[in-house]
Amino acid sequence: GCWVLTWSMSSSEFILIIQFQFCGPSVIYYFFCDFGP
């Protein structure tokens, strides 16, 4: 249930984010792709 609950919450956010446009800057000063950057 812990996995299903986390997957459900993350997936709804993920579905929204994959529709975003990325134009212009492409550099992240970080080790990995975190939400803020």
PDB file of all heavy atoms in Angstrom:
ATOM      1  N   GLY A   1       0.814  -1.210   0.000  1.00  0.00           N
ATOM      2  CA  GLY A   1       0.000   0.000   0.000  1.00  0.00           C
ATOM      3  C   GLY A   1       0.848   1.261   0.000  1.00  0.00           C
ATOM      4  O   GLY A   1       0.476   2.278  -0.601  1.00  0.00           O
ATOM      5  N   CYS A   2       2.004   1.207   0.667  1.00  0.00           N
ATOM      6  CA  CYS A   2       2.930   2.357   0.676  1.00  0.00           C
ATOM      7  C   CYS A   2       3.392   2.678  -0.744  1.00  0.00           C
ATOM      8  O   CYS A   2       3.456   3.846  -1.143  1.00  0.00           O
ATOM      9  CB  CYS A   2       4.148   2.047   1.547  1.00  0.00           C
ATOM     10  SG  CYS A   2       3.800   1.876   3.301  1.00  0.00           S
ATOM     11  N   TRP A   3       3.701   1.624  -1.517  1.00  0.00           N
ATOM     12  CA  TRP A   3       4.147   1.823  -2.900  1.00  0.00           C
ATOM     13  C   TRP A   3       3.023   2.347  -3.776  1.00  0.00           C
ATOM     14  O   TRP A   3       3.234   3.269  -4.589  1.00  0.00           O
ATOM     15  CB  TRP A   3       4.680   0.505  -3.467  1.00  0.00           C
ATOM     16  CG  TRP A   3       5.982   0.081  -2.871  1.00  0.00           C
ATOM     17  CD1 TRP A   3       6.171  -0.776  -1.831  1.00  0.00           C
ATOM     18  CD2 TRP A   3       7.283   0.501  -3.280  1.00  0.00           C
ATOM     19  NE1 TRP A   3       7.509  -0.918  -1.560  1.00  0.00           N
ATOM     20  CE2 TRP A   3       8.218  -0.155  -2.429  1.00  0.00           C
ATOM     21  CE3 TRP A   3       7.756   1.353  -4.271  1.00  0.00           C
ATOM     22  CZ2 TRP A   3       9.594   0.031  -2.564  1.00  0.00           C
ATOM     23  CZ3 TRP A   3       9.121   1.546  -4.413  1.00  0.00           C
ATOM     24  CH2 TRP A   3      10.030   0.897  -3.569  1.00  0.00           C
ATOM     25  N   VAL A   4       1.838   1.792  -3.622  1.00  0.00           N
ATOM     26  CA  VAL A   4       0.702   2.212  -4.450  1.00  0.00           C
ATOM     27  C   VAL A   4       0.342   3.663  -4.168  1.00  0.00           C
ATOM     28  O   VAL A   4       0.085   4.453  -5.097  1.00  0.00           O
ATOM     29  CB  VAL A   4      -0.519   1.293  -4.206  1.00  0.00           C
ATOM     30  CG1 VAL A   4      -1.762   1.843  -4.909  1.00  0.00           C
ATOM     31  CG2 VAL A   4      -0.222  -0.119  -4.689  1.00  0.00           C
ATOM     32  N   LEU A   5       0.335   4.041  -2.897  1.00  0.00           N
ATOM     33  CA  LEU A   5      -0.012   5.413  -2.524  1.00  0.00           C
ATOM     34  C   LEU A   5       1.011   6.397  -3.082  1.00  0.00           C
ATOM     35  O   LEU A   5       0.648   7.439  -3.657  1.00  0.00           O
ATOM     36  CB  LEU A   5      -0.076   5.526  -0.991  1.00  0.00           C
ATOM     37  CG  LEU A   5      -0.431   6.904  -0.422  1.00  0.00           C
ATOM     38  CD1 LEU A   5      -1.785   7.368  -0.932  1.00  0.00           C
ATOM     39  CD2 LEU A   5      -0.433   6.868   1.109  1.00  0.00           C
ATOM     40  N   THR A   6       2.301   6.091  -2.934  1.00  0.00           N
ATOM     41  CA  THR A   6       3.346   6.977  -3.447  1.00  0.00           C
ATOM     42  C   THR A   6       3.294   7.055  -4.968  1.00  0.00           C
ATOM     43  O   THR A   6       3.433   8.134  -5.551  1.00  0.00           O
ATOM     44  CB  THR A   6       4.740   6.483  -3.006  1.00  0.00           C
ATOM     45  OG1 THR A   6       4.741   6.273  -1.598  1.00  0.00           O
ATOM     46  CG2 THR A   6       5.810   7.491  -3.357  1.00  0.00           C
ATOM     47  N   TRP A   7       3.114   5.905  -5.617  1.00  0.00           N
ATOM     48  CA  TRP A   7       3.038   5.876  -7.077  1.00  0.00           C
ATOM     49  C   TRP A   7       1.843   6.692  -7.576  1.00  0.00           C
ATOM     50  O   TRP A   7       1.964   7.432  -8.570  1.00  0.00           O
ATOM     51  CB  TRP A   7       2.918   4.430  -7.543  1.00  0.00           C
ATOM     52  CG  TRP A   7       2.721   4.305  -9.023  1.00  0.00           C
ATOM     53  CD1 TRP A   7       3.673   4.376 -10.006  1.00  0.00           C
ATOM     54  CD2 TRP A   7       1.465   4.118  -9.697  1.00  0.00           C
ATOM     55  NE1 TRP A   7       3.095   4.228 -11.245  1.00  0.00           N
ATOM     56  CE2 TRP A   7       1.736   4.073 -11.091  1.00  0.00           C
ATOM     57  CE3 TRP A   7       0.149   3.971  -9.260  1.00  0.00           C
ATOM     58  CZ2 TRP A   7       0.743   3.890 -12.031  1.00  0.00           C
ATOM     59  CZ3 TRP A   7      -0.843   3.791 -10.208  1.00  0.00           C
ATOM     60  CH2 TRP A   7      -0.546   3.754 -11.572  1.00  0.00           C
ATOM     61  N   SER A   8       0.715   6.595  -6.909  1.00  0.00           N
ATOM     62  CA  SER A   8      -0.491   7.321  -7.325  1.00  0.00           C
ATOM     63  C   SER A   8      -0.272   8.829  -7.243  1.00  0.00           C
ATOM     64  O   SER A   8      -0.629   9.572  -8.175  1.00  0.00           O
ATOM     65  CB  SER A   8      -1.681   6.918  -6.458  1.00  0.00           C
ATOM     66  OG  SER A   8      -1.945   5.541  -6.561  1.00  0.00           O
ATOM     67  N   MET A   9       0.304   9.293  -6.146  1.00  0.00           N
ATOM     68  CA  MET A   9       0.531  10.726  -5.987  1.00  0.00           C
ATOM     69  C   MET A   9       1.566  11.240  -6.989  1.00  0.00           C
ATOM     70  O   MET A   9       1.382  12.285  -7.618  1.00  0.00           O
ATOM     71  CB  MET A   9       0.988  11.031  -4.552  1.00  0.00           C
ATOM     72  CG  MET A   9      -0.073  10.787  -3.504  1.00  0.00           C
ATOM     73  SD  MET A   9       0.329  11.495  -1.885  1.00  0.00           S
ATOM     74  CE  MET A   9       1.888  10.683  -1.534  1.00  0.00           C
ATOM     75  N   SER A  10       2.669  10.497  -7.141  1.00  0.00           N
ATOM     76  CA  SER A  10       3.731  10.929  -8.047  1.00  0.00           C
ATOM     77  C   SER A  10       3.275  10.918  -9.500  1.00  0.00           C
ATOM     78  O   SER A  10       3.660  11.789 -10.280  1.00  0.00           O
ATOM     79  CB  SER A  10       4.965  10.031  -7.884  1.00  0.00           C
ATOM     80  OG  SER A  10       5.459  10.083  -6.568  1.00  0.00           O
ATOM     81  N   SER A  11       2.449   9.937  -9.869  1.00  0.00           N
ATOM     82  CA  SER A  11       2.017   9.805 -11.261  1.00  0.00           C
ATOM     83  C   SER A  11       1.138  10.967 -11.700  1.00  0.00           C
ATOM     84  O   SER A  11       1.254  11.449 -12.831  1.00  0.00           O
ATOM     85  CB  SER A  11       1.259   8.485 -11.458  1.00  0.00           C
ATOM     86  OG  SER A  11       2.118   7.390 -11.255  1.00  0.00           O
ATOM     87  N   SER A  12       0.261  11.434 -10.824  1.00  0.00           N
ATOM     88  CA  SER A  12      -0.600  12.560 -11.185  1.00  0.00           C
ATOM     89  C   SER A  12       0.225  13.809 -11.447  1.00  0.00           C
ATOM     90  O   SER A  12      -0.063  14.585 -12.363  1.00  0.00           O
ATOM     91  CB  SER A  12      -1.623  12.818 -10.072  1.00  0.00           C
ATOM     92  OG  SER A  12      -0.972  13.156  -8.855  1.00  0.00           O
ATOM     93  N   GLU A  13       1.292  13.997 -10.662  1.00  0.00           N
ATOM     94  CA  GLU A  13       2.188  15.130 -10.868  1.00  0.00           C
ATOM     95  C   GLU A  13       3.025  14.933 -12.130  1.00  0.00           C
ATOM     96  O   GLU A  13       3.251  15.870 -12.903  1.00  0.00           O
ATOM     97  CB  GLU A  13       3.101  15.281  -9.646  1.00  0.00           C
ATOM     98  CG  GLU A  13       3.904  16.557  -9.624  1.00  0.00           C
ATOM     99  CD  GLU A  13       4.698  16.703  -8.336  1.00  0.00           C
ATOM    100  OE1 GLU A  13       4.465  15.918  -7.388  1.00  0.00           O
ATOM    101  OE2 GLU A  13       5.552  17.595  -8.280  1.00  0.00           O
ATOM    102  N   PHE A  14       3.474  13.701 -12.358  1.00  0.00           N
ATOM    103  CA  PHE A  14       4.295  13.378 -13.516  1.00  0.00           C
ATOM    104  C   PHE A  14       3.528  13.615 -14.818  1.00  0.00           C
ATOM    105  O   PHE A  14       4.072  14.151 -15.795  1.00  0.00           O
ATOM    106  CB  PHE A  14       4.747  11.915 -13.417  1.00  0.00           C
ATOM    107  CG  PHE A  14       5.532  11.422 -14.593  1.00  0.00           C
ATOM    108  CD1 PHE A  14       6.832  11.835 -14.808  1.00  0.00           C
ATOM    109  CD2 PHE A  14       4.966  10.520 -15.491  1.00  0.00           C
ATOM    110  CE1 PHE A  14       7.563  11.369 -15.891  1.00  0.00           C
ATOM    111  CE2 PHE A  14       5.681  10.051 -16.576  1.00  0.00           C
ATOM    112  CZ  PHE A  14       6.986  10.473 -16.782  1.00  0.00           C
ATOM    113  N   ILE A  15       2.258  13.220 -14.866  1.00  0.00           N
ATOM    114  CA  ILE A  15       1.427  13.408 -16.058  1.00  0.00           C
ATOM    115  C   ILE A  15       1.322  14.883 -16.409  1.00  0.00           C
ATOM    116  O   ILE A  15       1.313  15.262 -17.587  1.00  0.00           O
ATOM    117  CB  ILE A  15       0.025  12.791 -15.840  1.00  0.00           C
ATOM    118  CG1 ILE A  15       0.124  11.261 -15.770  1.00  0.00           C
ATOM    119  CG2 ILE A  15      -0.947  13.207 -16.929  1.00  0.00           C
ATOM    120  CD1 ILE A  15      -1.139  10.571 -15.313  1.00  0.00           C
ATOM    121  N   LEU A  16       1.260  15.738 -15.394  1.00  0.00           N
ATOM    122  CA  LEU A  16       1.192  17.179 -15.619  1.00  0.00           C
ATOM    123  C   LEU A  16       2.526  17.724 -16.134  1.00  0.00           C
ATOM    124  O   LEU A  16       2.577  18.518 -17.078  1.00  0.00           O
ATOM    125  CB  LEU A  16       0.803  17.881 -14.309  1.00  0.00           C
ATOM    126  CG  LEU A  16       0.693  19.409 -14.343  1.00  0.00           C
ATOM    127  CD1 LEU A  16      -0.434  19.848 -15.280  1.00  0.00           C
ATOM    128  CD2 LEU A  16       0.446  19.946 -12.934  1.00  0.00           C
ATOM    129  N   ILE A  17       3.635  17.258 -15.533  1.00  0.00           N
ATOM    130  CA  ILE A  17       4.954  17.805 -15.871  1.00  0.00           C
ATOM    131  C   ILE A  17       5.394  17.434 -17.279  1.00  0.00           C
ATOM    132  O   ILE A  17       6.048  18.235 -17.967  1.00  0.00           O
ATOM    133  CB  ILE A  17       5.995  17.338 -14.831  1.00  0.00           C
ATOM    134  CG1 ILE A  17       5.691  17.987 -13.469  1.00  0.00           C
ATOM    135  CG2 ILE A  17       7.419  17.700 -15.254  1.00  0.00           C
ATOM    136  CD1 ILE A  17       6.549  17.474 -12.332  1.00  0.00           C
ATOM    137  N   ILE A  18       5.058  16.231 -17.756  1.00  0.00           N
ATOM    138  CA  ILE A  18       5.512  15.819 -19.085  1.00  0.00           C
ATOM    139  C   ILE A  18       4.876  16.658 -20.200  1.00  0.00           C
ATOM    140  O   ILE A  18       5.334  16.617 -21.349  1.00  0.00           O
ATOM    141  CB  ILE A  18       5.221  14.318 -19.349  1.00  0.00           C
ATOM    142  CG1 ILE A  18       3.730  14.019 -19.229  1.00  0.00           C
ATOM    143  CG2 ILE A  18       6.053  13.444 -18.435  1.00  0.00           C
ATOM    144  CD1 ILE A  18       3.372  12.585 -19.579  1.00  0.00           C
ATOM    145  N   GLN A  19       3.856  17.431 -19.863  1.00  0.00           N
ATOM    146  CA  GLN A  19       3.227  18.307 -20.853  1.00  0.00           C
ATOM    147  C   GLN A  19       3.868  19.685 -20.906  1.00  0.00           C
ATOM    148  O   GLN A  19       3.524  20.497 -21.772  1.00  0.00           O
ATOM    149  CB  GLN A  19       1.735  18.443 -20.541  1.00  0.00           C
ATOM    150  CG  GLN A  19       0.979  17.119 -20.533  1.00  0.00           C
ATOM    151  CD  GLN A  19      -0.479  17.288 -20.152  1.00  0.00           C
ATOM    152  OE1 GLN A  19      -1.209  18.064 -20.768  1.00  0.00           O
ATOM    153  NE2 GLN A  19      -0.917  16.568 -19.135  1.00  0.00           N
ATOM    154  N   PHE A  20       4.817  19.953 -20.007  1.00  0.00           N
ATOM    155  CA  PHE A  20       5.458  21.264 -19.960  1.00  0.00           C
ATOM    156  C   PHE A  20       6.368  21.466 -21.172  1.00  0.00           C
ATOM    157  O   PHE A  20       6.923  20.520 -21.723  1.00  0.00           O
ATOM    158  CB  PHE A  20       6.277  21.426 -18.688  1.00  0.00           C
ATOM    159  CG  PHE A  20       5.457  21.615 -17.438  1.00  0.00           C
ATOM    160  CD1 PHE A  20       6.060  21.600 -16.190  1.00  0.00           C
ATOM    161  CD2 PHE A  20       4.094  21.821 -17.497  1.00  0.00           C
ATOM    162  CE1 PHE A  20       5.317  21.779 -15.036  1.00  0.00           C
ATOM    163  CE2 PHE A  20       3.338  21.996 -16.352  1.00  0.00           C
ATOM    164  CZ  PHE A  20       3.954  21.973 -15.116  1.00  0.00           C
ATOM    165  N   GLN A  21       6.518  22.743 -21.542  1.00  0.00           N
ATOM    166  CA  GLN A  21       7.444  23.120 -22.602  1.00  0.00           C
ATOM    167  C   GLN A  21       8.775  23.553 -21.990  1.00  0.00           C
ATOM    168  O   GLN A  21       8.802  24.203 -20.946  1.00  0.00           O
ATOM    169  CB  GLN A  21       6.867  24.272 -23.421  1.00  0.00           C
ATOM    170  CG  GLN A  21       5.646  23.907 -24.263  1.00  0.00           C
ATOM    171  CD  GLN A  21       5.992  22.968 -25.401  1.00  0.00           C
ATOM    172  OE1 GLN A  21       7.063  23.066 -25.999  1.00  0.00           O
ATOM    173  NE2 GLN A  21       5.080  22.046 -25.709  1.00  0.00           N
ATOM    174  N   PHE A  22       9.874  23.197 -22.663  1.00  0.00           N
ATOM    175  CA  PHE A  22      11.201  23.610 -22.230  1.00  0.00           C
ATOM    176  C   PHE A  22      11.878  24.302 -23.403  1.00  0.00           C
ATOM    177  O   PHE A  22      12.245  23.674 -24.401  1.00  0.00           O
ATOM    178  CB  PHE A  22      12.018  22.400 -21.769  1.00  0.00           C
ATOM    179  CG  PHE A  22      11.499  21.779 -20.514  1.00  0.00           C
ATOM    180  CD1 PHE A  22      10.494  20.815 -20.559  1.00  0.00           C
ATOM    181  CD2 PHE A  22      12.000  22.162 -19.271  1.00  0.00           C
ATOM    182  CE1 PHE A  22      10.003  20.244 -19.395  1.00  0.00           C
ATOM    183  CE2 PHE A  22      11.508  21.595 -18.106  1.00  0.00           C
ATOM    184  CZ  PHE A  22      10.513  20.642 -18.167  1.00  0.00           C
ATOM    185  N   CYS A  23      11.996  25.624 -23.299  1.00  0.00           N
ATOM    186  CA  CYS A  23      12.558  26.442 -24.378  1.00  0.00           C
ATOM    187  C   CYS A  23      13.642  27.356 -23.796  1.00  0.00           C
ATOM    188  O   CYS A  23      13.414  28.017 -22.780  1.00  0.00           O
ATOM    189  CB  CYS A  23      11.483  27.291 -25.036  1.00  0.00           C
ATOM    190  SG  CYS A  23      10.010  26.381 -25.565  1.00  0.00           S
ATOM    191  N   GLY A  24      14.784  27.404 -24.422  1.00  0.00           N
ATOM    192  CA  GLY A  24      15.840  28.323 -23.966  1.00  0.00           C
ATOM    193  C   GLY A  24      16.886  27.639 -23.111  1.00  0.00           C
ATOM    194  O   GLY A  24      17.576  26.718 -23.574  1.00  0.00           O
ATOM    195  N   PRO A  25      17.032  28.058 -21.848  1.00  0.00           N
ATOM    196  CA  PRO A  25      18.091  27.504 -20.982  1.00  0.00           C
ATOM    197  C   PRO A  25      17.955  25.991 -20.811  1.00  0.00           C
ATOM    198  O   PRO A  25      16.839  25.458 -20.740  1.00  0.00           O
ATOM    199  CB  PRO A  25      17.861  28.219 -19.646  1.00  0.00           C
ATOM    200  CG  PRO A  25      17.092  29.447 -19.992  1.00  0.00           C
ATOM    201  CD  PRO A  25      16.240  29.080 -21.161  1.00  0.00           C
ATOM    202  N   SER A  26      19.088  25.300 -20.745  1.00  0.00           N
ATOM    203  CA  SER A  26      19.057  23.838 -20.621  1.00  0.00           C
ATOM    204  C   SER A  26      20.073  23.337 -19.594  1.00  0.00           C
ATOM    205  O   SER A  26      20.400  22.159 -19.586  1.00  0.00           O
ATOM    206  CB  SER A  26      19.350  23.187 -21.979  1.00  0.00           C
ATOM    207  OG  SER A  26      20.643  23.551 -22.441  1.00  0.00           O
ATOM    208  N   VAL A  27      20.561  24.237 -18.738  1.00  0.00           N
ATOM    209  CA  VAL A  27      21.619  23.881 -17.792  1.00  0.00           C
ATOM    210  C   VAL A  27      21.073  23.838 -16.370  1.00  0.00           C
ATOM    211  O   VAL A  27      20.364  24.740 -15.930  1.00  0.00           O
ATOM    212  CB  VAL A  27      22.784  24.887 -17.855  1.00  0.00           C
ATOM    213  CG1 VAL A  27      23.837  24.557 -16.788  1.00  0.00           C
ATOM    214  CG2 VAL A  27      23.413  24.875 -19.236  1.00  0.00           C
ATOM    215  N   ILE A  28      21.383  22.743 -15.656  1.00  0.00           N
ATOM    216  CA  ILE A  28      21.038  22.589 -14.242  1.00  0.00           C
ATOM    217  C   ILE A  28      22.336  22.453 -13.454  1.00  0.00           C
ATOM    218  O   ILE A  28      23.147  21.584 -13.758  1.00  0.00           O
ATOM    219  CB  ILE A  28      20.155  21.347 -14.007  1.00  0.00           C
ATOM    220  CG1 ILE A  28      18.759  21.560 -14.615  1.00  0.00           C
ATOM    221  CG2 ILE A  28      20.025  21.037 -12.519  1.00  0.00           C
ATOM    222  CD1 ILE A  28      17.847  20.360 -14.475  1.00  0.00           C
ATOM    223  N   TYR A  29      22.535  23.295 -12.471  1.00  0.00           N
ATOM    224  CA  TYR A  29      23.727  23.239 -11.626  1.00  0.00           C
ATOM    225  C   TYR A  29      23.465  22.290 -10.451  1.00  0.00           C
ATOM    226  O   TYR A  29      23.426  22.696  -9.292  1.00  0.00           O
ATOM    227  CB  TYR A  29      24.104  24.638 -11.134  1.00  0.00           C
ATOM    228  CG  TYR A  29      24.550  25.558 -12.237  1.00  0.00           C
ATOM    229  CD1 TYR A  29      23.620  26.264 -12.994  1.00  0.00           C
ATOM    230  CD2 TYR A  29      25.896  25.707 -12.550  1.00  0.00           C
ATOM    231  CE1 TYR A  29      24.018  27.104 -14.025  1.00  0.00           C
ATOM    232  CE2 TYR A  29      26.304  26.542 -13.580  1.00  0.00           C
ATOM    233  CZ  TYR A  29      25.355  27.236 -14.309  1.00  0.00           C
ATOM    234  OH  TYR A  29      25.759  28.050 -15.333  1.00  0.00           O
ATOM    235  N   TYR A  30      23.260  21.031 -10.809  1.00  0.00           N
ATOM    236  CA  TYR A  30      22.889  20.049  -9.792  1.00  0.00           C
ATOM    237  C   TYR A  30      23.383  18.679 -10.242  1.00  0.00           C
ATOM    238  O   TYR A  30      23.801  18.496 -11.396  1.00  0.00           O
ATOM    239  CB  TYR A  30      21.355  20.040  -9.624  1.00  0.00           C
ATOM    240  CG  TYR A  30      20.887  19.914  -8.195  1.00  0.00           C
ATOM    241  CD1 TYR A  30      21.248  20.859  -7.243  1.00  0.00           C
ATOM    242  CD2 TYR A  30      20.058  18.863  -7.807  1.00  0.00           C
ATOM    243  CE1 TYR A  30      20.799  20.752  -5.936  1.00  0.00           C
ATOM    244  CE2 TYR A  30      19.614  18.751  -6.501  1.00  0.00           C
ATOM    245  CZ  TYR A  30      19.984  19.700  -5.574  1.00  0.00           C
ATOM    246  OH  TYR A  30      19.540  19.585  -4.280  1.00  0.00           O
ATOM    247  N   PHE A  31      23.350  17.690  -9.345  1.00  0.00           N
ATOM    248  CA  PHE A  31      23.830  16.352  -9.671  1.00  0.00           C
ATOM    249  C   PHE A  31      22.791  15.517 -10.410  1.00  0.00           C
ATOM    250  O   PHE A  31      23.118  14.537 -11.050  1.00  0.00           O
ATOM    251  CB  PHE A  31      24.230  15.599  -8.398  1.00  0.00           C
ATOM    252  CG  PHE A  31      25.501  16.095  -7.783  1.00  0.00           C
ATOM    253  CD1 PHE A  31      25.488  16.690  -6.530  1.00  0.00           C
ATOM    254  CD2 PHE A  31      26.705  15.968  -8.436  1.00  0.00           C
ATOM    255  CE1 PHE A  31      26.658  17.132  -5.945  1.00  0.00           C
ATOM    256  CE2 PHE A  31      27.886  16.411  -7.869  1.00  0.00           C
ATOM    257  CZ  PHE A  31      27.865  16.990  -6.619  1.00  0.00           C
ATOM    258  N   PHE A  32      21.522  15.877 -10.260  1.00  0.00           N
ATOM    259  CA  PHE A  32      20.455  15.098 -10.882  1.00  0.00           C
ATOM    260  C   PHE A  32      19.255  15.999 -11.110  1.00  0.00           C
ATOM    261  O   PHE A  32      19.263  17.184 -10.734  1.00  0.00           O
ATOM    262  CB  PHE A  32      20.074  13.893 -10.020  1.00  0.00           C
ATOM    263  CG  PHE A  32      19.475  14.257  -8.682  1.00  0.00           C
ATOM    264  CD1 PHE A  32      18.110  14.311  -8.511  1.00  0.00           C
ATOM    265  CD2 PHE A  32      20.294  14.546  -7.600  1.00  0.00           C
ATOM    266  CE1 PHE A  32      17.552  14.647  -7.284  1.00  0.00           C
ATOM    267  CE2 PHE A  32      19.750  14.880  -6.366  1.00  0.00           C
ATOM    268  CZ  PHE A  32      18.375  14.932  -6.208  1.00  0.00           C
ATOM    269  N   CYS A  33      18.231  15.464 -11.733  1.00  0.00           N
ATOM    270  CA  CYS A  33      17.046  16.255 -12.066  1.00  0.00           C
ATOM    271  C   CYS A  33      16.096  16.305 -10.874  1.00  0.00           C
ATOM    272  O   CYS A  33      15.250  15.406 -10.715  1.00  0.00           O
ATOM    273  CB  CYS A  33      16.357  15.668 -13.286  1.00  0.00           C
ATOM    274  SG  CYS A  33      17.332  15.778 -14.797  1.00  0.00           S
ATOM    275  N   ASP A  34      16.213  17.318 -10.067  1.00  0.00           N
ATOM    276  CA  ASP A  34      15.318  17.517  -8.937  1.00  0.00           C
ATOM    277  C   ASP A  34      14.199  18.468  -9.362  1.00  0.00           C
ATOM    278  O   ASP A  34      14.300  19.178 -10.374  1.00  0.00           O
ATOM    279  CB  ASP A  34      16.097  18.084  -7.745  1.00  0.00           C
ATOM    280  CG  ASP A  34      15.368  17.865  -6.430  1.00  0.00           C
ATOM    281  OD1 ASP A  34      14.279  17.238  -6.450  1.00  0.00           O
ATOM    282  OD2 ASP A  34      15.872  18.305  -5.381  1.00  0.00           O
ATOM    283  N   PHE A  35      13.144  18.517  -8.566  1.00  0.00           N
ATOM    284  CA  PHE A  35      11.943  19.255  -8.957  1.00  0.00           C
ATOM    285  C   PHE A  35      12.205  20.749  -9.164  1.00  0.00           C
ATOM    286  O   PHE A  35      11.846  21.314 -10.206  1.00  0.00           O
ATOM    287  CB  PHE A  35      10.860  19.062  -7.887  1.00  0.00           C
ATOM    288  CG  PHE A  35       9.573  19.777  -8.185  1.00  0.00           C
ATOM    289  CD1 PHE A  35       8.637  19.218  -9.040  1.00  0.00           C
ATOM    290  CD2 PHE A  35       9.287  21.013  -7.613  1.00  0.00           C
ATOM    291  CE1 PHE A  35       7.451  19.868  -9.327  1.00  0.00           C
ATOM    292  CE2 PHE A  35       8.102  21.668  -7.893  1.00  0.00           C
ATOM    293  CZ  PHE A  35       7.183  21.101  -8.748  1.00  0.00           C
ATOM    294  N   GLY A  36      12.837  21.408  -8.198  1.00  0.00           N
ATOM    295  CA  GLY A  36      13.057  22.855  -8.276  1.00  0.00           C
ATOM    296  C   GLY A  36      13.835  23.283  -9.502  1.00  0.00           C
ATOM    297  O   GLY A  36      13.378  24.142 -10.279  1.00  0.00           O
ATOM    298  N   PRO A  37      15.027  22.722  -9.722  1.00  0.00           N
ATOM    299  CA  PRO A  37      15.805  23.106 -10.905  1.00  0.00           C
ATOM    300  C   PRO A  37      15.082  22.838 -12.225  1.00  0.00           C
ATOM    301  O   PRO A  37      15.182  23.640 -13.158  1.00  0.00           O
ATOM    302  CB  PRO A  37      17.059  22.233 -10.774  1.00  0.00           C
ATOM    303  CG  PRO A  37      17.197  21.987  -9.323  1.00  0.00           C
ATOM    304  CD  PRO A  37      15.795  21.863  -8.813  1.00  0.00           C
TER     305      PRO A  37
END
